[in-house]
Protein backbone atom coordinates (compact mmCIF):
# COMPACT_ATOMS: atom_id res chain seq x y z
CA MET A 1 -42.61 16.19 26.71
CA ASP A 2 -46.07 14.80 26.85
CA ILE A 3 -46.37 12.34 23.99
CA PRO A 4 -49.46 10.13 24.04
CA ALA A 5 -49.01 6.44 23.26
CA GLY A 6 -49.89 5.88 19.62
CA ARG A 7 -51.29 2.38 19.82
CA PRO A 8 -52.01 0.02 22.67
CA GLY A 9 -48.98 -2.15 23.36
CA ASP A 10 -46.42 0.36 22.05
CA ALA A 11 -44.74 0.66 25.47
CA ARG A 12 -44.24 -3.12 25.64
CA ARG A 13 -43.03 -3.21 22.02
CA LEU A 14 -40.57 -0.37 22.76
CA GLU A 15 -39.07 -2.38 25.63
CA GLN A 16 -38.60 -5.37 23.32
CA LEU A 17 -36.96 -3.22 20.65
CA ILE A 18 -34.61 -1.64 23.19
CA GLN A 19 -33.57 -5.09 24.46
CA ARG A 20 -32.95 -6.48 20.96
CA GLU A 21 -31.16 -3.50 19.41
CA ARG A 22 -27.36 -3.75 19.47
CA GLN A 23 -26.52 -0.44 17.79
CA ALA A 24 -26.47 2.64 20.01
CA LYS A 25 -28.17 5.17 17.77
CA PRO A 26 -31.35 3.20 17.00
CA ARG A 27 -31.51 2.03 20.61
CA ASP A 28 -31.34 5.66 21.79
CA ARG A 29 -34.23 6.51 19.47
CA TYR A 30 -36.39 3.93 21.17
CA ARG A 31 -35.21 5.02 24.61
CA ALA A 32 -36.03 8.67 23.81
CA VAL A 33 -39.59 7.71 22.86
CA ARG A 34 -39.91 5.58 26.01
CA LEU A 35 -38.83 8.54 28.17
CA ALA A 36 -41.17 10.87 26.27
CA LEU A 37 -44.08 8.50 26.92
CA ARG A 38 -43.23 8.67 30.63
CA GLY A 39 -43.49 12.48 30.54
CA PHE A 40 -39.81 13.49 30.77
CA THR A 41 -38.79 16.94 29.47
CA ALA A 42 -36.53 17.20 26.42
CA GLU A 43 -33.63 18.53 28.50
CA ARG A 44 -33.88 15.72 31.02
CA MET A 45 -34.16 13.12 28.25
CA ALA A 46 -31.08 14.54 26.52
CA ASP A 47 -29.11 14.45 29.78
CA GLN A 48 -30.13 10.91 30.55
CA LEU A 49 -29.33 9.59 27.07
CA GLY A 50 -26.23 11.68 26.47
CA ARG A 51 -27.72 13.02 23.25
CA SER A 52 -28.68 16.48 22.09
CA ARG A 53 -32.05 17.98 22.88
CA ARG A 54 -32.79 18.17 19.18
CA PHE A 55 -32.12 14.43 18.78
CA VAL A 56 -34.65 13.41 21.44
CA GLN A 57 -37.25 15.89 20.18
CA ARG A 58 -36.88 14.72 16.58
CA TRP A 59 -37.54 11.08 17.45
CA ALA A 60 -40.27 11.74 19.99
CA TYR A 61 -42.17 13.89 17.48
CA ARG A 62 -41.60 11.38 14.70
CA TYR A 63 -43.17 8.71 16.92
CA ARG A 64 -46.05 11.05 17.76
CA ASP A 65 -46.71 11.74 14.04
CA ALA A 66 -46.12 8.33 12.46
CA GLY A 67 -45.80 5.64 15.13
CA LEU A 68 -43.15 3.01 15.85
CA GLU A 69 -42.52 2.26 12.18
CA ALA A 70 -41.09 5.76 11.71
CA LEU A 71 -38.31 5.03 14.23
CA ARG A 72 -36.72 2.30 12.10
CA GLU A 73 -33.64 2.97 10.02
CA GLN A 74 -34.67 4.08 6.56
CA PRO A 75 -32.59 3.17 3.49
CA ARG A 76 -30.45 6.03 2.28
CA PRO A 77 -30.26 6.03 -1.50
CA GLY A 78 -27.10 8.13 -1.78
CA GLN A 79 -25.89 9.79 -4.92
CA PRO A 80 -26.97 8.14 -8.17
CA PRO A 81 -24.10 6.52 -10.07
CA GLN A 82 -22.52 8.50 -12.87
CA LEU A 83 -22.45 5.36 -14.99
CA PRO A 84 -25.62 3.21 -14.88
CA ARG A 85 -25.28 -0.58 -14.70
CA ALA A 86 -26.26 -1.10 -18.34
CA ALA A 87 -23.66 1.44 -19.44
CA ALA A 88 -21.06 -0.21 -17.19
CA ALA A 89 -21.61 -3.53 -18.98
CA ALA A 90 -21.28 -1.80 -22.35
CA LEU A 91 -18.08 -0.07 -21.17
CA LYS A 92 -16.64 -3.41 -20.09
CA ASP A 93 -17.40 -4.87 -23.53
CA ARG A 94 -15.78 -1.85 -25.19
CA LEU A 95 -12.62 -2.13 -23.08
CA THR A 96 -12.43 -5.90 -23.60
CA ALA A 97 -12.57 -5.39 -27.37
CA GLY A 98 -9.38 -3.34 -27.09
CA PRO A 99 -8.38 -0.19 -28.91
CA ARG A 100 -9.89 0.69 -32.24
CA GLU A 101 -8.04 2.22 -35.17
CA THR A 102 -9.66 5.57 -34.35
CA ASP A 103 -8.19 5.48 -30.84
CA GLY A 104 -4.67 5.80 -32.24
CA VAL A 105 -3.05 3.67 -29.52
CA CYS A 106 -1.92 0.06 -29.23
CA THR A 107 -3.31 -0.41 -25.73
CA LEU A 108 -5.83 1.46 -23.62
CA ARG A 109 -4.49 3.48 -20.72
CA GLY A 110 -6.38 5.39 -18.04
CA ARG A 111 -6.32 8.51 -20.19
CA ASP A 112 -7.79 6.58 -23.12
CA SER A 113 -10.48 5.00 -20.93
CA GLN A 114 -11.37 8.48 -19.67
CA GLN A 115 -11.75 9.69 -23.25
CA ILE A 116 -13.94 6.67 -24.14
CA LEU A 117 -16.14 7.35 -21.12
CA ARG A 118 -16.51 11.00 -22.08
CA GLN A 119 -17.14 10.50 -25.80
CA GLU A 120 -19.13 7.27 -25.96
CA PHE A 121 -20.90 7.16 -22.60
CA GLY A 122 -21.13 10.82 -21.58
CA GLY A 123 -19.47 10.17 -18.24
CA PRO A 124 -17.69 13.16 -16.67
CA TYR A 125 -14.99 11.02 -15.01
CA THR A 126 -11.67 12.35 -13.83
CA ARG A 127 -8.60 10.17 -14.26
CA PRO A 128 -8.63 9.10 -10.57
CA GLY A 129 -12.32 8.29 -11.07
CA VAL A 130 -11.43 6.08 -14.03
CA TYR A 131 -8.77 4.32 -11.97
CA ASP A 132 -11.39 3.76 -9.28
CA ARG A 133 -13.92 2.43 -11.81
CA LEU A 134 -11.62 -0.05 -13.62
CA PRO A 135 -11.15 -2.52 -10.73
CA ARG A 136 -14.90 -2.53 -10.13
CA LEU A 137 -15.29 -3.68 -13.75
CA GLY A 138 -12.75 -6.45 -13.21
CA TYR A 139 -9.75 -4.70 -14.75
CA SER A 140 -6.38 -3.88 -13.36
CA TYR A 141 -4.84 -0.61 -14.41
CA LEU A 142 -1.32 -1.86 -13.69
CA GLN A 143 -0.31 -3.96 -16.66
CA PRO A 144 3.00 -5.06 -18.16
CA ARG A 145 4.28 -2.99 -21.04
CA PRO A 146 2.21 -3.86 -24.12
CA ARG A 147 3.61 -5.21 -27.36
CA HIS A 148 3.11 -3.09 -30.39
CA ARG A 149 1.03 -4.78 -33.07
CA GLN A 150 3.87 -4.43 -35.61
CA ASN A 151 6.32 -6.36 -33.42
CA ASP A 152 7.51 -9.57 -35.08
CA PRO A 153 8.50 -12.13 -32.43
CA ALA A 154 10.34 -14.28 -35.00
CA ALA A 155 12.47 -11.32 -36.14
CA MET A 156 13.22 -10.41 -32.53
CA GLU A 157 14.37 -13.98 -31.79
CA GLN A 158 16.53 -14.00 -34.94
CA GLY A 159 18.11 -10.69 -33.86
CA LEU A 160 19.03 -12.15 -30.48
CA HIS A 161 20.55 -15.20 -32.19
CA ASP A 162 22.58 -13.16 -34.69
CA ALA A 163 23.80 -10.51 -32.24
CA PRO A 164 27.59 -10.54 -31.78
CA LEU A 165 29.04 -11.23 -28.37
CA TRP A 166 30.63 -8.06 -27.11
CA SER A 167 32.59 -9.53 -24.23
CA ARG A 168 34.30 -12.85 -23.83
CA ARG A 169 35.44 -14.48 -20.67
CA SER A 170 39.15 -14.76 -20.52
CA GLY A 171 40.78 -17.61 -18.74
CA GLU A 172 43.53 -15.36 -17.41
CA SER A 173 43.85 -14.46 -13.78
CA SER A 174 43.94 -10.79 -12.92
CA GLY A 175 46.85 -11.42 -10.56
CA ARG A 176 45.40 -9.27 -7.80
CA GLY A 177 46.09 -11.69 -4.98
CA GLY A 178 43.31 -12.72 -2.60
CA TRP A 179 41.20 -9.65 -3.26
CA LYS A 180 38.02 -10.41 -5.17
CA CYS A 181 37.13 -6.85 -6.00
CA GLY A 182 40.31 -6.21 -7.99
CA SER A 183 41.56 -3.45 -5.69
CA ARG A 184 45.32 -3.06 -5.28
CA MET A 185 45.05 -1.55 -1.81
CA LYS A 186 46.44 -3.36 1.15
CA ALA A 187 44.13 -4.43 3.95
CA ALA A 188 45.56 -1.85 6.36
CA ALA A 189 45.17 0.94 3.84
CA ALA A 190 41.57 -0.04 3.23
CA SER A 191 40.68 0.27 6.92
CA GLN A 192 42.43 3.66 7.16
CA ALA A 193 40.52 5.00 4.18
CA ARG A 194 37.21 4.72 6.00
């Protein structure tokens, strides 16, 4: 490939970038351009770098068209979030407020959070997606069993106090000898039974 040097000093700058770069892929980009500037063919460059022919051509041509700045790693935006940051804050406030009368539950579960996301925020979340989202909002989806709002702790304590004792400890010995399990078998019979 015969790629002309874009600007004076690019060859020296390429050498510096190759020496400083610690990651293999960006370093191979710079090395491909350096080999292209020296007049190597694409096949020979690919063999020397251990990369595909397409890889070395892509970066050599990118240098030819846009210069050294085009060889740098560009940010990859990725997929936009299903729930924007402002909506995530509003969802957190809604979950912190707890269930409403219209929710028909005493505590919010993953299924209920999914329904809130769908109805109030327009988020098409699956239940595993909800369980992935909750820890990122600062919530844990594993919680102890909730208390119903109609529970009366004083009445529950009174019920425990007034409950009759169903069993009483007797002071009598069972008379089973030295056996603690209450078995009437002899030691020899126990070993034969196994």
